[in-house]
PDB file of N, CA and C in Angstrom:
ATOM      1  N   MET A   1       7.730 -17.290  27.172  1.00  0.00           N
ATOM      2  CA  MET A   1       6.599 -16.573  26.611  1.00  0.00           C
ATOM      3  C   MET A   1       7.036 -15.240  26.002  1.00  0.00           C
ATOM      4  N   VAL A   2       7.873 -14.521  26.723  1.00  0.00           N
ATOM      5  CA  VAL A   2       8.344 -13.234  26.218  1.00  0.00           C
ATOM      6  C   VAL A   2       9.245 -13.432  25.015  1.00  0.00           C
ATOM      7  N   ASN A   3      10.059 -14.464  25.055  1.00  0.00           N
ATOM      8  CA  ASN A   3      10.957 -14.756  23.946  1.00  0.00           C
ATOM      9  C   ASN A   3      10.172 -15.085  22.677  1.00  0.00           C
ATOM     10  N   GLU A   4       9.102 -15.845  22.826  1.00  0.00           N
ATOM     11  CA  GLU A   4       8.269 -16.198  21.676  1.00  0.00           C
ATOM     12  C   GLU A   4       7.588 -14.960  21.097  1.00  0.00           C
ATOM     13  N   SER A   5       7.122 -14.085  21.953  1.00  0.00           N
ATOM     14  CA  SER A   5       6.492 -12.841  21.500  1.00  0.00           C
ATOM     15  C   SER A   5       7.491 -11.951  20.771  1.00  0.00           C
ATOM     16  N   LEU A   6       8.719 -11.910  21.264  1.00  0.00           N
ATOM     17  CA  LEU A   6       9.762 -11.113  20.620  1.00  0.00           C
ATOM     18  C   LEU A   6      10.121 -11.682  19.250  1.00  0.00           C
ATOM     19  N   ASN A   7      10.142 -13.012  19.130  1.00  0.00           N
ATOM     20  CA  ASN A   7      10.419 -13.632  17.839  1.00  0.00           C
ATOM     21  C   ASN A   7       9.322 -13.318  16.831  1.00  0.00           C
ATOM     22  N   HIS A   8       8.069 -13.302  17.289  1.00  0.00           N
ATOM     23  CA  HIS A   8       6.965 -12.943  16.400  1.00  0.00           C
ATOM     24  C   HIS A   8       7.094 -11.498  15.940  1.00  0.00           C
ATOM     25  N   CYS A   9       7.501 -10.619  16.824  1.00  0.00           N
ATOM     26  CA  CYS A   9       7.654  -9.205  16.455  1.00  0.00           C
ATOM     27  C   CYS A   9       8.745  -9.030  15.403  1.00  0.00           C
ATOM     28  N   PHE A  10       9.858  -9.760  15.543  1.00  0.00           N
ATOM     29  CA  PHE A  10      10.916  -9.675  14.536  1.00  0.00           C
ATOM     30  C   PHE A  10      10.454 -10.237  13.194  1.00  0.00           C
ATOM     31  N   MET A  11       9.675 -11.310  13.242  1.00  0.00           N
ATOM     32  CA  MET A  11       9.157 -11.892  12.009  1.00  0.00           C
ATOM     33  C   MET A  11       8.233 -10.895  11.302  1.00  0.00           C
ATOM     34  N   TYR A  12       7.378 -10.234  12.068  1.00  0.00           N
ATOM     35  CA  TYR A  12       6.490  -9.236  11.488  1.00  0.00           C
ATOM     36  C   TYR A  12       7.277  -8.030  10.975  1.00  0.00           C
ATOM     37  N   ALA A  13       8.326  -7.664  11.680  1.00  0.00           N
ATOM     38  CA  ALA A  13       9.141  -6.525  11.238  1.00  0.00           C
ATOM     39  C   ALA A  13       9.808  -6.830   9.899  1.00  0.00           C
ATOM     40  N   TYR A  14      10.295  -8.045   9.725  1.00  0.00           N
ATOM     41  CA  TYR A  14      10.877  -8.419   8.433  1.00  0.00           C
ATOM     42  C   TYR A  14       9.826  -8.394   7.330  1.00  0.00           C
ATOM     43  N   ALA A  15       8.631  -8.891   7.633  1.00  0.00           N
ATOM     44  CA  ALA A  15       7.560  -8.903   6.632  1.00  0.00           C
ATOM     45  C   ALA A  15       7.150  -7.481   6.255  1.00  0.00           C
ATOM     46  N   VAL A  16       7.088  -6.587   7.245  1.00  0.00           N
ATOM     47  CA  VAL A  16       6.756  -5.185   6.978  1.00  0.00           C
ATOM     48  C   VAL A  16       7.819  -4.554   6.091  1.00  0.00           C
ATOM     49  N   PHE A  17       9.071  -4.794   6.408  1.00  0.00           N
ATOM     50  CA  PHE A  17      10.165  -4.240   5.605  1.00  0.00           C
ATOM     51  C   PHE A  17      10.091  -4.733   4.171  1.00  0.00           C
ATOM     52  N   VAL A  18       9.837  -6.018   3.974  1.00  0.00           N
ATOM     53  CA  VAL A  18       9.765  -6.579   2.630  1.00  0.00           C
ATOM     54  C   VAL A  18       8.581  -5.988   1.864  1.00  0.00           C
ATOM     55  N   LEU A  19       7.419  -5.886   2.503  1.00  0.00           N
ATOM     56  CA  LEU A  19       6.245  -5.330   1.826  1.00  0.00           C
ATOM     57  C   LEU A  19       6.464  -3.879   1.419  1.00  0.00           C
ATOM     58  N   ILE A  20       7.009  -3.084   2.315  1.00  0.00           N
ATOM     59  CA  ILE A  20       7.229  -1.673   1.995  1.00  0.00           C
ATOM     60  C   ILE A  20       8.303  -1.532   0.918  1.00  0.00           C
ATOM     61  N   PHE A  21       9.332  -2.358   0.955  1.00  0.00           N
ATOM     62  CA  PHE A  21      10.365  -2.315  -0.083  1.00  0.00           C
ATOM     63  C   PHE A  21       9.787  -2.689  -1.445  1.00  0.00           C
ATOM     64  N   ILE A  22       8.966  -3.731  -1.500  1.00  0.00           N
ATOM     65  CA  ILE A  22       8.348  -4.136  -2.765  1.00  0.00           C
ATOM     66  C   ILE A  22       7.433  -3.030  -3.286  1.00  0.00           C
ATOM     67  N   GLY A  23       6.692  -2.392  -2.388  1.00  0.00           N
ATOM     68  CA  GLY A  23       5.813  -1.299  -2.803  1.00  0.00           C
ATOM     69  C   GLY A  23       6.581  -0.117  -3.367  1.00  0.00           C
ATOM     70  N   PHE A  24       7.671   0.270  -2.710  1.00  0.00           N
ATOM     71  CA  PHE A  24       8.481   1.376  -3.229  1.00  0.00           C
ATOM     72  C   PHE A  24       9.162   0.999  -4.545  1.00  0.00           C
ATOM     73  N   TYR A  25       9.545  -0.268  -4.693  1.00  0.00           N
ATOM     74  CA  TYR A  25      10.120  -0.709  -5.964  1.00  0.00           C
ATOM     75  C   TYR A  25       9.087  -0.572  -7.088  1.00  0.00           C
ATOM     76  N   CYS A  26       7.841  -0.939  -6.800  1.00  0.00           N
ATOM     77  CA  CYS A  26       6.778  -0.778  -7.808  1.00  0.00           C
ATOM     78  C   CYS A  26       6.579   0.691  -8.164  1.00  0.00           C
ATOM     79  N   LEU A  27       6.693   1.569  -7.195  1.00  0.00           N
ATOM     80  CA  LEU A  27       6.512   2.995  -7.470  1.00  0.00           C
ATOM     81  C   LEU A  27       7.666   3.571  -8.287  1.00  0.00           C
ATOM     82  N   ILE A  28       8.870   3.110  -8.023  1.00  0.00           N
ATOM     83  CA  ILE A  28      10.037   3.688  -8.682  1.00  0.00           C
ATOM     84  C   ILE A  28      10.282   3.068 -10.055  1.00  0.00           C
ATOM     85  N   ALA A  29      10.164   1.759 -10.170  1.00  0.00           N
ATOM     86  CA  ALA A  29      10.599   1.074 -11.387  1.00  0.00           C
ATOM     87  C   ALA A  29       9.533   0.986 -12.466  1.00  0.00           C
ATOM     88  N   ARG A  30       8.291   1.115 -12.134  1.00  0.00           N
ATOM     89  CA  ARG A  30       7.232   0.904 -13.112  1.00  0.00           C
ATOM     90  C   ARG A  30       6.672   2.215 -13.615  1.00  0.00           C
ATOM     91  N   ARG A  31       6.222   2.207 -14.864  1.00  0.00           N
ATOM     92  CA  ARG A  31       5.617   3.382 -15.473  1.00  0.00           C
ATOM     93  C   ARG A  31       4.142   3.176 -15.783  1.00  0.00           C
ATOM     94  N   ASN A  32       3.626   2.001 -15.481  1.00  0.00           N
ATOM     95  CA  ASN A  32       2.237   1.694 -15.710  1.00  0.00           C
ATOM     96  C   ASN A  32       1.408   2.208 -14.528  1.00  0.00           C
ATOM     97  N   MET A  33       0.320   2.912 -14.800  1.00  0.00           N
ATOM     98  CA  MET A  33      -0.459   3.510 -13.711  1.00  0.00           C
ATOM     99  C   MET A  33      -1.133   2.468 -12.831  1.00  0.00           C
ATOM    100  N   VAL A  34      -1.543   1.342 -13.402  1.00  0.00           N
ATOM    101  CA  VAL A  34      -2.172   0.291 -12.597  1.00  0.00           C
ATOM    102  C   VAL A  34      -1.144  -0.324 -11.656  1.00  0.00           C
ATOM    103  N   ARG A  35       0.067  -0.533 -12.143  1.00  0.00           N
ATOM    104  CA  ARG A  35       1.108  -1.084 -11.275  1.00  0.00           C
ATOM    105  C   ARG A  35       1.521  -0.099 -10.181  1.00  0.00           C
ATOM    106  N   LEU A  36       1.427   1.185 -10.462  1.00  0.00           N
ATOM    107  CA  LEU A  36       1.692   2.177  -9.420  1.00  0.00           C
ATOM    108  C   LEU A  36       0.636   2.096  -8.317  1.00  0.00           C
ATOM    109  N   LEU A  37      -0.616   1.910  -8.707  1.00  0.00           N
ATOM    110  CA  LEU A  37      -1.669   1.759  -7.708  1.00  0.00           C
ATOM    111  C   LEU A  37      -1.480   0.480  -6.892  1.00  0.00           C
ATOM    112  N   ILE A  38      -1.035  -0.577  -7.553  1.00  0.00           N
ATOM    113  CA  ILE A  38      -0.753  -1.821  -6.826  1.00  0.00           C
ATOM    114  C   ILE A  38       0.402  -1.611  -5.844  1.00  0.00           C
ATOM    115  N   GLY A  39       1.421  -0.851  -6.250  1.00  0.00           N
ATOM    116  CA  GLY A  39       2.527  -0.535  -5.335  1.00  0.00           C
ATOM    117  C   GLY A  39       2.061   0.243  -4.119  1.00  0.00           C
ATOM    118  N   LEU A  40       1.157   1.207  -4.330  1.00  0.00           N
ATOM    119  CA  LEU A  40       0.598   1.944  -3.193  1.00  0.00           C
ATOM    120  C   LEU A  40      -0.193   1.024  -2.267  1.00  0.00           C
ATOM    121  N   GLU A  41      -0.904   0.090  -2.847  1.00  0.00           N
ATOM    122  CA  GLU A  41      -1.673  -0.862  -2.040  1.00  0.00           C
ATOM    123  C   GLU A  41      -0.749  -1.756  -1.217  1.00  0.00           C
ATOM    124  N   ILE A  42       0.351  -2.187  -1.799  1.00  0.00           N
ATOM    125  CA  ILE A  42       1.303  -3.032  -1.062  1.00  0.00           C
ATOM    126  C   ILE A  42       1.933  -2.251   0.087  1.00  0.00           C
ATOM    127  N   ILE A  43       2.257  -0.990  -0.141  1.00  0.00           N
ATOM    128  CA  ILE A  43       2.812  -0.158   0.936  1.00  0.00           C
ATOM    129  C   ILE A  43       1.802   0.003   2.060  1.00  0.00           C
ATOM    130  N   SER A  44       0.554   0.241   1.710  1.00  0.00           N
ATOM    131  CA  SER A  44      -0.461   0.427   2.755  1.00  0.00           C
ATOM    132  C   SER A  44      -0.702  -0.859   3.536  1.00  0.00           C
ATOM    133  N   LYS A  45      -0.608  -2.009   2.876  1.00  0.00           N
ATOM    134  CA  LYS A  45      -0.743  -3.275   3.608  1.00  0.00           C
ATOM    135  C   LYS A  45       0.441  -3.494   4.542  1.00  0.00           C
ATOM    136  N   GLY A  46       1.626  -3.073   4.130  1.00  0.00           N
ATOM    137  CA  GLY A  46       2.779  -3.158   5.014  1.00  0.00           C
ATOM    138  C   GLY A  46       2.619  -2.279   6.244  1.00  0.00           C
ATOM    139  N   ILE A  47       2.053  -1.097   6.049  1.00  0.00           N
ATOM    140  CA  ILE A  47       1.823  -0.196   7.177  1.00  0.00           C
ATOM    141  C   ILE A  47       0.753  -0.753   8.109  1.00  0.00           C
ATOM    142  N   CYS A  48      -0.275  -1.364   7.538  1.00  0.00           N
ATOM    143  CA  CYS A  48      -1.298  -2.001   8.380  1.00  0.00           C
ATOM    144  C   CYS A  48      -0.699  -3.133   9.206  1.00  0.00           C
ATOM    145  N   LEU A  49       0.172  -3.929   8.582  1.00  0.00           N
ATOM    146  CA  LEU A  49       0.840  -4.999   9.319  1.00  0.00           C
ATOM    147  C   LEU A  49       1.742  -4.429  10.406  1.00  0.00           C
ATOM    148  N   LEU A  50       2.372  -3.291  10.136  1.00  0.00           N
ATOM    149  CA  LEU A  50       3.200  -2.634  11.149  1.00  0.00           C
ATOM    150  C   LEU A  50       2.364  -2.198  12.352  1.00  0.00           C
ATOM    151  N   ILE A  51       1.194  -1.639  12.094  1.00  0.00           N
ATOM    152  CA  ILE A  51       0.327  -1.202  13.192  1.00  0.00           C
ATOM    153  C   ILE A  51      -0.140  -2.396  14.017  1.00  0.00           C
ATOM    154  N   ILE A  52      -0.551  -3.456  13.342  1.00  0.00           N
ATOM    155  CA  ILE A  52      -1.024  -4.647  14.060  1.00  0.00           C
ATOM    156  C   ILE A  52       0.105  -5.317  14.830  1.00  0.00           C
ATOM    157  N   SER A  53       1.275  -5.440  14.210  1.00  0.00           N
ATOM    158  CA  SER A  53       2.385  -6.092  14.904  1.00  0.00           C
ATOM    159  C   SER A  53       2.916  -5.240  16.047  1.00  0.00           C
ATOM    160  N   GLY A  54       2.788  -3.927  15.959  1.00  0.00           N
ATOM    161  CA  GLY A  54       3.211  -3.076  17.061  1.00  0.00           C
ATOM    162  C   GLY A  54       2.314  -3.200  18.274  1.00  0.00           C
ATOM    163  N   SER A  55       1.050  -3.529  18.036  1.00  0.00           N
ATOM    164  CA  SER A  55       0.125  -3.669  19.163  1.00  0.00           C
ATOM    165  C   SER A  55       0.011  -5.111  19.637  1.00  0.00           C
ATOM    166  N   TYR A  56       0.705  -6.034  18.996  1.00  0.00           N
ATOM    167  CA  TYR A  56       0.610  -7.449  19.362  1.00  0.00           C
ATOM    168  C   TYR A  56       1.080  -7.752  20.785  1.00  0.00           C
ATOM    169  N   PRO A  57       2.232  -7.263  21.222  1.00  0.00           N
ATOM    170  CA  PRO A  57       2.668  -7.623  22.578  1.00  0.00           C
ATOM    171  C   PRO A  57       1.754  -7.086  23.681  1.00  0.00           C
ATOM    172  N   SER A  58       1.178  -5.921  23.487  1.00  0.00           N
ATOM    173  CA  SER A  58       0.344  -5.345  24.544  1.00  0.00           C
ATOM    174  C   SER A  58      -1.139  -5.660  24.371  1.00  0.00           C
ATOM    175  N   ARG A  59      -1.530  -6.322  23.278  1.00  0.00           N
ATOM    176  CA  ARG A  59      -2.905  -6.735  23.006  1.00  0.00           C
ATOM    177  C   ARG A  59      -3.892  -5.568  23.010  1.00  0.00           C
ATOM    178  N   ILE A  60      -3.518  -4.499  22.338  1.00  0.00           N
ATOM    179  CA  ILE A  60      -4.383  -3.322  22.242  1.00  0.00           C
ATOM    180  C   ILE A  60      -5.357  -3.533  21.082  1.00  0.00           C
ATOM    181  N   LEU A  61      -6.652  -3.425  21.351  1.00  0.00           N
ATOM    182  CA  LEU A  61      -7.655  -3.647  20.317  1.00  0.00           C
ATOM    183  C   LEU A  61      -7.927  -2.389  19.501  1.00  0.00           C
ATOM    184  N   THR A  62      -7.456  -1.257  19.965  1.00  0.00           N
ATOM    185  CA  THR A  62      -7.659  -0.015  19.228  1.00  0.00           C
ATOM    186  C   THR A  62      -6.913  -0.049  17.891  1.00  0.00           C
ATOM    187  N   ALA A  63      -5.789  -0.736  17.849  1.00  0.00           N
ATOM    188  CA  ALA A  63      -5.021  -0.830  16.611  1.00  0.00           C
ATOM    189  C   ALA A  63      -5.810  -1.580  15.541  1.00  0.00           C
ATOM    190  N   GLN A  64      -6.582  -2.579  15.928  1.00  0.00           N
ATOM    191  CA  GLN A  64      -7.390  -3.299  14.957  1.00  0.00           C
ATOM    192  C   GLN A  64      -8.465  -2.398  14.364  1.00  0.00           C
ATOM    193  N   ALA A  65      -9.072  -1.578  15.188  1.00  0.00           N
ATOM    194  CA  ALA A  65     -10.079  -0.634  14.688  1.00  0.00           C
ATOM    195  C   ALA A  65      -9.435   0.388  13.751  1.00  0.00           C
ATOM    196  N   LEU A  66      -8.234   0.828  14.084  1.00  0.00           N
ATOM    197  CA  LEU A  66      -7.512   1.764  13.220  1.00  0.00           C
ATOM    198  C   LEU A  66      -7.183   1.132  11.869  1.00  0.00           C
ATOM    199  N   VAL A  67      -6.762  -0.118  11.873  1.00  0.00           N
ATOM    200  CA  VAL A  67      -6.422  -0.804  10.629  1.00  0.00           C
ATOM    201  C   VAL A  67      -7.668  -1.009   9.767  1.00  0.00           C
ATOM    202  N   ILE A  68      -8.791  -1.335  10.380  1.00  0.00           N
ATOM    203  CA  ILE A  68     -10.029  -1.473   9.610  1.00  0.00           C
ATOM    204  C   ILE A  68     -10.402  -0.145   8.972  1.00  0.00           C
ATOM    205  N   THR A  69     -10.218   0.951   9.691  1.00  0.00           N
ATOM    206  CA  THR A  69     -10.483   2.270   9.122  1.00  0.00           C
ATOM    207  C   THR A  69      -9.533   2.571   7.963  1.00  0.00           C
ATOM    208  N   VAL A  70      -8.266   2.226   8.124  1.00  0.00           N
ATOM    209  CA  VAL A  70      -7.283   2.436   7.052  1.00  0.00           C
ATOM    210  C   VAL A  70      -7.649   1.621   5.821  1.00  0.00           C
ATOM    211  N   ILE A  71      -8.112   0.400   6.015  1.00  0.00           N
ATOM    212  CA  ILE A  71      -8.498  -0.442   4.885  1.00  0.00           C
ATOM    213  C   ILE A  71      -9.683   0.156   4.148  1.00  0.00           C
ATOM    214  N   VAL A  72     -10.662   0.676   4.870  1.00  0.00           N
ATOM    215  CA  VAL A  72     -11.820   1.307   4.221  1.00  0.00           C
ATOM    216  C   VAL A  72     -11.385   2.532   3.425  1.00  0.00           C
ATOM    217  N   ILE A  73     -10.503   3.330   3.986  1.00  0.00           N
ATOM    218  CA  ILE A  73     -10.031   4.525   3.275  1.00  0.00           C
ATOM    219  C   ILE A  73      -9.226   4.135   2.041  1.00  0.00           C
ATOM    220  N   GLU A  74      -8.377   3.117   2.149  1.00  0.00           N
ATOM    221  CA  GLU A  74      -7.577   2.740   0.985  1.00  0.00           C
ATOM    222  C   GLU A  74      -8.426   2.100  -0.111  1.00  0.00           C
ATOM    223  N   VAL A  75      -9.523   1.465   0.232  1.00  0.00           N
ATOM    224  CA  VAL A  75     -10.436   0.957  -0.796  1.00  0.00           C
ATOM    225  C   VAL A  75     -11.050   2.118  -1.571  1.00  0.00           C
ATOM    226  N   CYS A  76     -11.435   3.178  -0.860  1.00  0.00           N
ATOM    227  CA  CYS A  76     -11.970   4.364  -1.531  1.00  0.00           C
ATOM    228  C   CYS A  76     -10.918   5.017  -2.429  1.00  0.00           C
ATOM    229  N   VAL A  77      -9.700   5.112  -1.949  1.00  0.00           N
ATOM    230  CA  VAL A  77      -8.625   5.713  -2.741  1.00  0.00           C
ATOM    231  C   VAL A  77      -8.341   4.873  -3.983  1.00  0.00           C
ATOM    232  N   MET A  78      -8.335   3.551  -3.840  1.00  0.00           N
ATOM    233  CA  MET A  78      -8.087   2.686  -4.997  1.00  0.00           C
ATOM    234  C   MET A  78      -9.223   2.780  -6.009  1.00  0.00           C
ATOM    235  N   ALA A  79     -10.456   2.893  -5.549  1.00  0.00           N
ATOM    236  CA  ALA A  79     -11.581   3.016  -6.479  1.00  0.00           C
ATOM    237  C   ALA A  79     -11.480   4.318  -7.273  1.00  0.00           C
ATOM    238  N   ILE A  80     -11.160   5.396  -6.599  1.00  0.00           N
ATOM    239  CA  ILE A  80     -11.001   6.683  -7.291  1.00  0.00           C
ATOM    240  C   ILE A  80      -9.795   6.641  -8.228  1.00  0.00           C
ATOM    241  N   GLY A  81      -8.694   6.052  -7.772  1.00  0.00           N
ATOM    242  CA  GLY A  81      -7.503   5.939  -8.620  1.00  0.00           C
ATOM    243  C   GLY A  81      -7.755   5.106  -9.861  1.00  0.00           C
ATOM    244  N   LEU A  82      -8.459   3.994  -9.714  1.00  0.00           N
ATOM    245  CA  LEU A  82      -8.759   3.168 -10.887  1.00  0.00           C
ATOM    246  C   LEU A  82      -9.723   3.867 -11.837  1.00  0.00           C
ATOM    247  N   SER A  83     -10.649   4.643 -11.291  1.00  0.00           N
ATOM    248  CA  SER A  83     -11.546   5.391 -12.183  1.00  0.00           C
ATOM    249  C   SER A  83     -10.769   6.454 -12.958  1.00  0.00           C
ATOM    250  N   LEU A  84      -9.787   7.075 -12.327  1.00  0.00           N
ATOM    251  CA  LEU A  84      -8.945   8.040 -13.040  1.00  0.00           C
ATOM    252  C   LEU A  84      -8.085   7.357 -14.102  1.00  0.00           C
ATOM    253  N   VAL A  85      -7.612   6.154 -13.811  1.00  0.00           N
ATOM    254  CA  VAL A  85      -6.828   5.407 -14.805  1.00  0.00           C
ATOM    255  C   VAL A  85      -7.707   5.046 -16.002  1.00  0.00           C
ATOM    256  N   ILE A  86      -8.928   4.623 -15.747  1.00  0.00           N
ATOM    257  CA  ILE A  86      -9.839   4.290 -16.846  1.00  0.00           C
ATOM    258  C   ILE A  86     -10.149   5.524 -17.680  1.00  0.00           C
ATOM    259  N   ARG A  87     -10.370   6.648 -17.023  1.00  0.00           N
ATOM    260  CA  ARG A  87     -10.639   7.902 -17.746  1.00  0.00           C
ATOM    261  C   ARG A  87      -9.421   8.327 -18.580  1.00  0.00           C
ATOM    262  N   ALA A  88      -8.233   8.174 -18.015  1.00  0.00           N
ATOM    263  CA  ALA A  88      -7.011   8.518 -18.762  1.00  0.00           C
ATOM    264  C   ALA A  88      -6.818   7.583 -19.946  1.00  0.00           C
ATOM    265  N   TYR A  89      -7.172   6.316 -19.781  1.00  0.00           N
ATOM    266  CA  TYR A  89      -7.044   5.374 -20.889  1.00  0.00           C
ATOM    267  C   TYR A  89      -8.015   5.722 -22.016  1.00  0.00           C
ATOM    268  N   HIS A  90      -9.219   6.133 -21.670  1.00  0.00           N
ATOM    269  CA  HIS A  90     -10.178   6.521 -22.704  1.00  0.00           C
ATOM    270  C   HIS A  90      -9.731   7.779 -23.442  1.00  0.00           C
ATOM    271  N   GLN A  91      -9.035   8.662 -22.770  1.00  0.00           N
ATOM    272  CA  GLN A  91      -8.575   9.897 -23.399  1.00  0.00           C
ATOM    273  C   GLN A  91      -7.371   9.678 -24.310  1.00  0.00           C
ATOM    274  N   SER A  92      -6.427   8.843 -23.895  1.00  0.00           N
ATOM    275  CA  SER A  92      -5.167   8.748 -24.642  1.00  0.00           C
ATOM    276  C   SER A  92      -4.830   7.355 -25.147  1.00  0.00           C
ATOM    277  N   GLU A  93      -5.650   6.348 -24.859  1.00  0.00           N
ATOM    278  CA  GLU A  93      -5.402   4.965 -25.274  1.00  0.00           C
ATOM    279  C   GLU A  93      -4.093   4.409 -24.714  1.00  0.00           C
ATOM    280  N   SER A  94      -3.643   4.943 -23.591  1.00  0.00           N
ATOM    281  CA  SER A  94      -2.422   4.460 -22.961  1.00  0.00           C
ATOM    282  C   SER A  94      -2.509   4.704 -21.456  1.00  0.00           C
ATOM    283  N   ILE A  95      -1.842   3.833 -20.689  1.00  0.00           N
ATOM    284  CA  ILE A  95      -1.762   4.053 -19.243  1.00  0.00           C
ATOM    285  C   ILE A  95      -0.309   4.208 -18.798  1.00  0.00           C
ATOM    286  N   ASP A  96       0.533   4.572 -19.732  1.00  0.00           N
ATOM    287  CA  ASP A  96       1.941   4.823 -19.430  1.00  0.00           C
ATOM    288  C   ASP A  96       2.086   6.268 -18.948  1.00  0.00           C
ATOM    289  N   ILE A  97       2.796   6.466 -17.870  1.00  0.00           N
ATOM    290  CA  ILE A  97       2.932   7.797 -17.278  1.00  0.00           C
ATOM    291  C   ILE A  97       3.720   8.734 -18.183  1.00  0.00           C
ATOM    292  N   ARG A  98       4.661   8.196 -18.932  1.00  0.00           N
ATOM    293  CA  ARG A  98       5.470   9.050 -19.809  1.00  0.00           C
ATOM    294  C   ARG A  98       4.631   9.730 -20.888  1.00  0.00           C
ATOM    295  N   ASP A  99       3.507   9.124 -21.247  1.00  0.00           N
ATOM    296  CA  ASP A  99       2.635   9.743 -22.239  1.00  0.00           C
ATOM    297  C   ASP A  99       1.909  10.969 -21.703  1.00  0.00           C
ATOM    298  N   PHE A 100       1.796  11.058 -20.388  1.00  0.00           N
ATOM    299  CA  PHE A 100       1.063  12.169 -19.779  1.00  0.00           C
ATOM    300  C   PHE A 100       1.966  13.309 -19.332  1.00  0.00           C
ATOM    301  N   SER A 101       3.265  13.209 -19.587  1.00  0.00           N
ATOM    302  CA  SER A 101       4.172  14.260 -19.151  1.00  0.00           C
ATOM    303  C   SER A 101       4.097  15.500 -20.057  1.00  0.00           C
ATOM    304  N   LYS A 102       3.507  15.354 -21.214  1.00  0.00           N
ATOM    305  CA  LYS A 102       3.407  16.477 -22.151  1.00  0.00           C
ATOM    306  C   LYS A 102       2.085  17.234 -22.048  1.00  0.00           C
ATOM    307  N   LEU A 103       1.253  16.869 -21.100  1.00  0.00           N
ATOM    308  CA  LEU A 103      -0.034  17.535 -20.953  1.00  0.00           C
ATOM    309  C   LEU A 103       0.132  18.955 -20.423  1.00  0.00           C
ATOM    310  N   LYS A 104      -0.733  19.813 -20.830  1.00  0.00           N
ATOM    311  CA  LYS A 104      -0.733  21.182 -20.314  1.00  0.00           C
ATOM    312  C   LYS A 104      -1.935  21.340 -19.400  1.00  0.00           C
ATOM    313  N   GLY A 105      -1.734  22.028 -18.275  1.00  0.00           N
ATOM    314  CA  GLY A 105      -2.782  22.059 -17.287  1.00  0.00           C
ATOM    315  C   GLY A 105      -3.482  23.303 -17.146  1.00  0.00           C
TER     316      GLY A 105
END
């Protein structure tokens, strides 16, 4: 029983590592603002999986409530981020980050 639980934890740890790596790759390699938001979403899902998999062996239900709260907050952040991307597209007809480096604030 303990061996099976440990194998599940390693499987989840690999999945968390892959999700966070893919998210950071999206943040570093892409210049499209929508793809950057998708990269942030992938990182946050990896962190949620980390929280859930960390509480799996001890069966703590508080981690599930925390993850639900994180999901609600990230939905709000994504909605605001997408609205900013739409506003930026209407202003400059582009969603490439390099086009916004010349802005004066």
